[in-house]
Structure formats: structure tokens, C-alpha cells
Amino acid sequence: MLIVCLVFWLLGLGLQAACEPKMLRFARLPDLTLPPSVRWGRFIFPLLGLVIVLWTDPVVAIFIWAGTFSVAAVIVAIVWASLARVLEARR
């Protein structure tokens, strides 16, 4: 269950980073624009992860959900910074 929730958080936070102009400038991707239907994923994926965790184990659901958020946030930050470094090295 941790892996499923982590994947949903990674998708949600990754889309959030791809939709933020500051994050796009940081990674030197200013031309990237996502359609509005894809932008809804940044809200849908974390909530879907919460629903699945609540359905499987409601007693510890919020702790699993919050814990996987922390891990996913660190992973997305590292990947986004690495992407910025790789794109900077190619220029």
C-alpha cells in the first residue's frame, strides 16, 4: 500500500512541479505547457491515493498518506534538481 500511495504522490507532485512557472524556470523548461485536463491530475492523484489508503486501512491511513508525501516530495525535488543540472550541462 505504501508503494501505491507513493506512486500517486509522485504523479501528483510531479505534475504540480510541471505546472508551476517558477519550477519550469528553475529546470529551464519555460516552453512546457500542459493542457488543462492534465493539470487536474495534480489534485486527483493525491486524493485518489488517500481514498485507496482509507479503503484498505482506515486506522493508519492519514499517517501513511502524510509519510509517503514526505518521501515523494524529496524524490521529486531531487529529480527536478537533477533535470535542471542535466539540461544546464547540455547547453
Foldseek 3Di string as FASTA:
>chain_A
DLVQLLVLLLLLVLLVLLCDCVLCVLLVNNPDDDDPVSSCSNVPSLVVSLVVLCVPPVVCSVVSSVVSNVVSVVVSVVVSNVSSVVVVVVD
